């Protein structure tokens, strides 16, 4: 099942306390949030959600070029959490804009672009998943 959204703005989680987007901290072994941020910041609107999730998986598990097609098919055959579950929207203050082709870009909370997209009636609006159940 695809995790791609078309013409959608995923807003920061309603229980997030951040008022400005933050870059996830660098670690010796990069976190999912760090890798997602690195890829989307460097390549806005280059990846669909499915492509981004697989690329992060490939980076974290060391999938080689020769194995990419089979690994991608196996990865996408399993249910995957969509970008609504990403720490970028839950903790770090990043919304994601998914264009008409499903390509993704980061948009920091508190920016004019975030406000514009959050108010755009032509987009479907979703929120990142809450961090708490309350």
N, C-alpha and C. Protein backbone atom coordinates (compact mmCIF):
# COMPACT_ATOMS: atom_id res chain seq x y z
N UNK A 1 0.84 -1.18 0.00
CA UNK A 1 0.00 0.00 0.00
C UNK A 1 0.89 1.25 0.00
N UNK A 2 0.57 2.18 -0.82
CA UNK A 2 1.37 3.39 -0.97
C UNK A 2 1.17 4.36 0.20
N UNK A 3 2.23 5.08 0.52
CA UNK A 3 2.15 6.13 1.54
C UNK A 3 2.08 7.51 0.89
N UNK A 4 2.00 7.56 -0.43
CA UNK A 4 2.01 8.83 -1.15
C UNK A 4 0.70 9.59 -0.97
N UNK A 5 0.84 10.89 -0.84
CA UNK A 5 -0.30 11.82 -0.82
C UNK A 5 -0.18 12.71 -2.05
N UNK A 6 -1.31 13.11 -2.60
CA UNK A 6 -1.34 14.03 -3.74
C UNK A 6 -2.06 15.30 -3.32
N UNK A 7 -1.46 16.46 -3.61
CA UNK A 7 -2.10 17.74 -3.31
C UNK A 7 -2.48 17.87 -1.85
N UNK A 8 -1.55 17.57 -0.97
CA UNK A 8 -1.84 17.52 0.47
C UNK A 8 -0.80 18.29 1.26
N UNK A 9 -1.24 18.93 2.34
CA UNK A 9 -0.32 19.56 3.27
C UNK A 9 -0.48 18.87 4.62
N UNK A 10 0.59 18.23 5.08
CA UNK A 10 0.58 17.59 6.39
C UNK A 10 1.18 18.59 7.37
N UNK A 11 0.33 19.05 8.28
CA UNK A 11 0.72 20.07 9.24
C UNK A 11 1.37 19.43 10.46
N UNK A 12 2.07 20.22 11.21
CA UNK A 12 2.72 19.77 12.44
C UNK A 12 1.65 19.21 13.38
N UNK A 13 2.01 18.21 14.16
CA UNK A 13 1.08 17.56 15.08
C UNK A 13 0.43 18.57 16.02
N UNK A 14 -0.84 18.40 16.30
CA UNK A 14 -1.54 19.35 17.16
C UNK A 14 -0.98 19.43 18.58
N UNK A 15 -0.30 18.40 19.06
CA UNK A 15 0.26 18.43 20.41
C UNK A 15 1.74 18.82 20.44
N UNK A 16 2.26 19.23 19.29
CA UNK A 16 3.66 19.67 19.26
C UNK A 16 3.79 21.01 19.98
N UNK A 17 4.86 21.16 20.74
CA UNK A 17 5.08 22.40 21.47
C UNK A 17 6.08 23.31 20.76
N UNK A 18 6.63 22.87 19.65
CA UNK A 18 7.62 23.67 18.94
C UNK A 18 6.96 24.80 18.17
N UNK A 19 7.60 25.97 18.18
CA UNK A 19 7.07 27.13 17.45
C UNK A 19 7.93 27.48 16.24
N UNK A 20 9.05 26.78 16.09
CA UNK A 20 9.93 26.99 14.94
C UNK A 20 10.53 25.64 14.55
N UNK A 21 10.69 25.43 13.25
CA UNK A 21 11.26 24.17 12.78
C UNK A 21 12.70 24.02 13.27
N UNK A 22 13.03 22.80 13.62
CA UNK A 22 14.37 22.48 14.12
C UNK A 22 14.98 21.38 13.26
N UNK A 23 16.27 21.48 13.03
CA UNK A 23 16.98 20.42 12.33
C UNK A 23 17.24 19.30 13.33
N UNK A 24 16.88 18.07 13.01
CA UNK A 24 17.15 16.97 13.94
C UNK A 24 18.65 16.88 14.24
N UNK A 25 19.00 16.56 15.48
CA UNK A 25 20.42 16.51 15.84
C UNK A 25 21.16 15.41 15.09
N UNK A 26 22.42 15.68 14.81
CA UNK A 26 23.28 14.68 14.17
C UNK A 26 23.71 13.65 15.20
N UNK A 27 23.75 12.43 14.76
CA UNK A 27 24.19 11.33 15.62
C UNK A 27 25.20 10.49 14.86
N UNK A 28 25.95 9.68 15.59
CA UNK A 28 26.92 8.78 14.96
C UNK A 28 26.22 7.86 13.97
N UNK A 29 25.08 7.32 14.39
CA UNK A 29 24.21 6.56 13.49
C UNK A 29 23.00 7.45 13.25
N UNK A 30 22.86 8.02 12.05
CA UNK A 30 21.77 8.98 11.81
C UNK A 30 20.39 8.39 12.08
N UNK A 31 19.54 9.20 12.70
CA UNK A 31 18.16 8.80 12.98
C UNK A 31 17.33 8.89 11.70
N UNK A 32 16.16 8.30 11.74
CA UNK A 32 15.22 8.40 10.63
C UNK A 32 14.91 9.88 10.35
N UNK A 33 14.64 10.64 11.41
CA UNK A 33 14.33 12.06 11.24
C UNK A 33 15.49 12.80 10.59
N UNK A 34 16.71 12.53 11.02
CA UNK A 34 17.88 13.20 10.45
C UNK A 34 18.02 12.88 8.96
N UNK A 35 17.85 11.61 8.60
CA UNK A 35 17.98 11.23 7.19
C UNK A 35 16.84 11.81 6.34
N UNK A 36 15.62 11.76 6.85
CA UNK A 36 14.50 12.34 6.11
C UNK A 36 14.73 13.83 5.90
N UNK A 37 15.14 14.53 6.94
CA UNK A 37 15.39 15.96 6.83
C UNK A 37 16.51 16.23 5.83
N UNK A 38 17.60 15.50 5.94
CA UNK A 38 18.75 15.70 5.05
C UNK A 38 18.33 15.55 3.59
N UNK A 39 17.58 14.50 3.28
CA UNK A 39 17.17 14.26 1.89
C UNK A 39 16.18 15.31 1.39
N UNK A 40 15.18 15.63 2.20
CA UNK A 40 14.17 16.59 1.76
C UNK A 40 14.71 18.02 1.71
N UNK A 41 15.59 18.38 2.62
CA UNK A 41 16.18 19.72 2.59
C UNK A 41 17.06 19.91 1.36
N UNK A 42 17.78 18.87 1.00
CA UNK A 42 18.68 18.96 -0.15
C UNK A 42 17.95 18.80 -1.48
N UNK A 43 16.81 18.11 -1.46
CA UNK A 43 16.11 17.79 -2.71
C UNK A 43 14.60 17.99 -2.59
N UNK A 44 14.14 19.24 -2.40
CA UNK A 44 12.68 19.45 -2.30
C UNK A 44 11.98 19.05 -3.60
N UNK A 45 10.85 18.41 -3.43
CA UNK A 45 10.02 17.94 -4.54
C UNK A 45 10.74 16.96 -5.46
N UNK A 46 11.73 16.24 -4.94
CA UNK A 46 12.43 15.22 -5.73
C UNK A 46 11.92 13.81 -5.42
N UNK A 47 11.39 13.61 -4.21
CA UNK A 47 10.96 12.29 -3.77
C UNK A 47 9.46 12.26 -3.51
N UNK A 48 8.83 11.13 -3.81
CA UNK A 48 7.50 10.86 -3.26
C UNK A 48 7.72 10.30 -1.86
N UNK A 49 6.67 10.19 -1.11
CA UNK A 49 6.79 9.62 0.24
C UNK A 49 7.34 8.20 0.17
N UNK A 50 6.82 7.37 -0.72
CA UNK A 50 7.32 6.00 -0.87
C UNK A 50 8.82 5.99 -1.18
N UNK A 51 9.24 6.85 -2.10
CA UNK A 51 10.66 6.91 -2.48
C UNK A 51 11.52 7.35 -1.30
N UNK A 52 11.05 8.35 -0.56
CA UNK A 52 11.79 8.84 0.59
C UNK A 52 11.93 7.76 1.66
N UNK A 53 10.82 7.12 1.99
CA UNK A 53 10.86 6.08 3.02
C UNK A 53 11.79 4.94 2.62
N UNK A 54 11.76 4.54 1.35
CA UNK A 54 12.67 3.48 0.91
C UNK A 54 14.11 3.96 0.96
N UNK A 55 14.37 5.17 0.51
CA UNK A 55 15.74 5.68 0.50
C UNK A 55 16.32 5.71 1.92
N UNK A 56 15.54 6.14 2.88
CA UNK A 56 15.99 6.14 4.28
C UNK A 56 16.24 4.71 4.75
N UNK A 57 15.33 3.80 4.42
CA UNK A 57 15.50 2.39 4.76
C UNK A 57 16.79 1.85 4.14
N UNK A 58 17.02 2.16 2.88
CA UNK A 58 18.22 1.67 2.18
C UNK A 58 19.49 2.21 2.83
N UNK A 59 19.48 3.47 3.22
CA UNK A 59 20.64 4.08 3.86
C UNK A 59 20.91 3.44 5.22
N UNK A 60 19.86 3.17 5.96
CA UNK A 60 20.02 2.62 7.31
C UNK A 60 20.40 1.14 7.31
N UNK A 61 20.01 0.42 6.26
CA UNK A 61 20.27 -1.02 6.23
C UNK A 61 21.37 -1.40 5.26
N UNK A 62 21.92 -0.44 4.55
CA UNK A 62 23.04 -0.73 3.65
C UNK A 62 22.66 -1.47 2.38
N UNK A 63 21.50 -1.18 1.84
CA UNK A 63 21.08 -1.81 0.58
C UNK A 63 22.01 -1.33 -0.53
N UNK A 64 22.62 -2.28 -1.23
CA UNK A 64 23.53 -1.95 -2.32
C UNK A 64 22.80 -1.67 -3.62
N UNK A 65 23.51 -1.05 -4.55
CA UNK A 65 22.91 -0.71 -5.86
C UNK A 65 22.39 -1.94 -6.58
N UNK A 66 23.10 -3.04 -6.50
CA UNK A 66 22.70 -4.26 -7.21
C UNK A 66 21.40 -4.84 -6.65
N UNK A 67 21.13 -4.57 -5.37
CA UNK A 67 19.96 -5.16 -4.71
C UNK A 67 18.78 -4.21 -4.61
N UNK A 68 18.90 -2.99 -5.12
CA UNK A 68 17.89 -1.95 -4.88
C UNK A 68 16.50 -2.32 -5.38
N UNK A 69 16.39 -2.84 -6.59
CA UNK A 69 15.06 -3.12 -7.14
C UNK A 69 14.32 -4.16 -6.31
N UNK A 70 15.00 -5.25 -5.96
CA UNK A 70 14.37 -6.30 -5.17
C UNK A 70 14.07 -5.79 -3.75
N UNK A 71 15.02 -5.04 -3.19
CA UNK A 71 14.82 -4.52 -1.83
C UNK A 71 13.65 -3.53 -1.81
N UNK A 72 13.54 -2.69 -2.84
CA UNK A 72 12.44 -1.72 -2.91
C UNK A 72 11.10 -2.45 -3.01
N UNK A 73 11.03 -3.47 -3.87
CA UNK A 73 9.78 -4.22 -4.01
C UNK A 73 9.41 -4.89 -2.70
N UNK A 74 10.36 -5.48 -2.01
CA UNK A 74 10.09 -6.14 -0.72
C UNK A 74 9.68 -5.12 0.33
N UNK A 75 10.35 -3.98 0.36
CA UNK A 75 10.03 -2.93 1.34
C UNK A 75 8.61 -2.41 1.12
N UNK A 76 8.26 -2.10 -0.10
CA UNK A 76 6.95 -1.53 -0.39
C UNK A 76 5.82 -2.56 -0.33
N UNK A 77 6.16 -3.85 -0.33
CA UNK A 77 5.14 -4.90 -0.21
C UNK A 77 4.59 -4.96 1.22
N UNK A 78 5.37 -4.44 2.17
CA UNK A 78 4.93 -4.41 3.57
C UNK A 78 4.27 -3.07 3.86
N UNK A 79 3.33 -3.07 4.78
CA UNK A 79 2.73 -1.80 5.21
C UNK A 79 3.80 -0.93 5.85
N UNK A 80 3.78 0.36 5.51
CA UNK A 80 4.74 1.32 6.05
C UNK A 80 3.97 2.47 6.69
N UNK A 81 4.54 3.04 7.72
CA UNK A 81 3.96 4.25 8.32
C UNK A 81 4.21 5.40 7.36
N UNK A 82 3.23 6.24 7.16
CA UNK A 82 3.37 7.37 6.25
C UNK A 82 4.10 8.52 6.95
N UNK A 83 4.32 9.60 6.22
CA UNK A 83 5.04 10.74 6.78
C UNK A 83 4.28 11.44 7.91
N UNK A 84 3.00 11.14 8.08
CA UNK A 84 2.27 11.69 9.22
C UNK A 84 2.86 11.18 10.53
N UNK A 85 3.53 10.03 10.50
CA UNK A 85 4.14 9.44 11.70
C UNK A 85 5.60 9.86 11.87
N UNK A 86 6.13 10.63 10.96
CA UNK A 86 7.53 11.04 11.03
C UNK A 86 7.79 11.97 12.22
N UNK A 87 8.94 11.81 12.85
CA UNK A 87 9.32 12.74 13.91
C UNK A 87 9.44 14.19 13.40
N UNK A 88 9.61 14.38 12.11
CA UNK A 88 9.72 15.75 11.57
C UNK A 88 8.47 16.56 11.88
N UNK A 89 7.31 15.96 11.73
CA UNK A 89 6.06 16.65 12.00
C UNK A 89 5.57 16.53 13.43
N UNK A 90 6.03 15.50 14.12
CA UNK A 90 5.60 15.28 15.50
C UNK A 90 6.44 16.07 16.50
N UNK A 91 7.73 16.19 16.24
CA UNK A 91 8.63 16.77 17.24
C UNK A 91 9.42 17.97 16.75
N UNK A 92 9.80 17.98 15.47
CA UNK A 92 10.76 18.97 14.99
C UNK A 92 10.16 20.17 14.26
N UNK A 93 8.84 20.24 14.12
CA UNK A 93 8.20 21.43 13.58
C UNK A 93 8.19 21.57 12.07
N UNK A 94 8.22 20.45 11.36
CA UNK A 94 8.21 20.49 9.90
C UNK A 94 6.89 19.96 9.36
N UNK A 95 6.24 20.75 8.52
CA UNK A 95 5.11 20.28 7.73
C UNK A 95 5.67 19.71 6.43
N UNK A 96 4.87 18.91 5.76
CA UNK A 96 5.29 18.40 4.44
C UNK A 96 4.21 18.73 3.42
N UNK A 97 4.65 19.36 2.34
CA UNK A 97 3.75 19.66 1.22
C UNK A 97 3.96 18.59 0.16
N UNK A 98 2.88 17.97 -0.23
CA UNK A 98 2.90 16.93 -1.27
C UNK A 98 2.19 17.53 -2.48
N UNK A 99 2.93 17.72 -3.56
CA UNK A 99 2.35 18.39 -4.73
C UNK A 99 1.41 17.45 -5.50
N UNK A 100 0.92 17.91 -6.63
CA UNK A 100 -0.05 17.13 -7.42
C UNK A 100 0.50 15.81 -7.92
N UNK A 101 1.84 15.70 -8.02
CA UNK A 101 2.47 14.45 -8.44
C UNK A 101 2.94 13.62 -7.24
N UNK A 102 2.68 14.11 -6.03
CA UNK A 102 3.06 13.38 -4.83
C UNK A 102 4.47 13.65 -4.35
N UNK A 103 5.17 14.59 -4.99
CA UNK A 103 6.53 14.94 -4.58
C UNK A 103 6.47 15.78 -3.30
N UNK A 104 7.44 15.57 -2.41
CA UNK A 104 7.40 16.13 -1.05
C UNK A 104 8.45 17.22 -0.85
N UNK A 105 8.06 18.26 -0.10
CA UNK A 105 8.99 19.29 0.35
C UNK A 105 8.70 19.61 1.81
N UNK A 106 9.74 19.99 2.53
CA UNK A 106 9.60 20.41 3.92
C UNK A 106 9.18 21.87 3.99
N UNK A 107 8.34 22.18 4.98
CA UNK A 107 7.92 23.56 5.22
C UNK A 107 7.93 23.78 6.73
N UNK A 108 8.76 24.71 7.19
CA UNK A 108 8.90 24.94 8.62
C UNK A 108 7.73 25.70 9.21
N UNK A 109 7.28 25.26 10.38
CA UNK A 109 6.21 25.96 11.08
C UNK A 109 6.68 27.38 11.41
N UNK A 110 5.76 28.31 11.38
CA UNK A 110 6.08 29.69 11.70
C UNK A 110 6.59 30.50 10.52
N UNK A 111 6.69 29.88 9.34
CA UNK A 111 7.15 30.60 8.15
C UNK A 111 5.95 31.08 7.33
N UNK A 112 6.14 32.09 6.50
CA UNK A 112 5.04 32.54 5.63
C UNK A 112 4.55 31.42 4.70
N UNK A 113 5.45 30.57 4.22
CA UNK A 113 5.05 29.47 3.34
C UNK A 113 4.16 28.47 4.09
N UNK A 114 4.48 28.20 5.33
CA UNK A 114 3.66 27.30 6.14
C UNK A 114 2.26 27.89 6.31
N UNK A 115 2.19 29.17 6.65
CA UNK A 115 0.89 29.83 6.83
C UNK A 115 0.09 29.81 5.53
N UNK A 116 0.77 30.06 4.40
CA UNK A 116 0.08 30.06 3.11
C UNK A 116 -0.49 28.68 2.79
N UNK A 117 0.32 27.64 2.98
CA UNK A 117 -0.15 26.28 2.68
C UNK A 117 -1.23 25.84 3.66
N UNK A 118 -1.09 26.20 4.93
CA UNK A 118 -2.10 25.83 5.93
C UNK A 118 -3.46 26.46 5.64
N UNK A 119 -3.46 27.60 4.94
CA UNK A 119 -4.70 28.30 4.62
C UNK A 119 -5.21 28.00 3.20
N UNK A 120 -4.49 27.19 2.45
CA UNK A 120 -4.84 26.93 1.05
C UNK A 120 -6.00 25.94 0.96
N UNK A 121 -7.18 26.40 0.51
CA UNK A 121 -8.34 25.52 0.45
C UNK A 121 -8.26 24.49 -0.69
N UNK A 122 -7.33 24.66 -1.61
CA UNK A 122 -7.22 23.71 -2.72
C UNK A 122 -6.46 22.44 -2.32
N UNK A 123 -5.83 22.46 -1.15
CA UNK A 123 -5.08 21.30 -0.67
C UNK A 123 -5.91 20.49 0.32
N UNK A 124 -5.65 19.20 0.35
CA UNK A 124 -6.18 18.38 1.44
C UNK A 124 -5.28 18.65 2.65
N UNK A 125 -5.88 18.74 3.81
CA UNK A 125 -5.12 19.04 5.03
C UNK A 125 -5.18 17.87 5.99
N UNK A 126 -4.01 17.48 6.46
CA UNK A 126 -3.88 16.44 7.47
C UNK A 126 -2.93 16.97 8.53
N UNK A 127 -2.94 16.37 9.68
CA UNK A 127 -1.99 16.71 10.73
C UNK A 127 -1.06 15.52 10.93
N UNK A 128 0.16 15.82 11.33
CA UNK A 128 1.05 14.75 11.76
C UNK A 128 0.39 14.08 12.96
N UNK A 129 0.74 12.85 13.19
CA UNK A 129 0.14 12.11 14.30
C UNK A 129 0.59 12.68 15.63
N UNK A 130 -0.31 12.67 16.57
CA UNK A 130 -0.02 13.15 17.92
C UNK A 130 1.03 12.26 18.56
N UNK A 131 1.83 12.86 19.43
CA UNK A 131 2.82 12.09 20.17
C UNK A 131 2.21 11.42 21.38
N UNK A 132 1.15 12.00 21.91
CA UNK A 132 0.48 11.43 23.09
C UNK A 132 -0.93 11.03 22.74
N UNK A 133 -1.49 10.18 23.55
CA UNK A 133 -2.85 9.70 23.31
C UNK A 133 -3.90 10.66 23.86
N UNK A 134 -3.53 11.54 24.76
CA UNK A 134 -4.47 12.43 25.46
C UNK A 134 -5.10 13.46 24.67
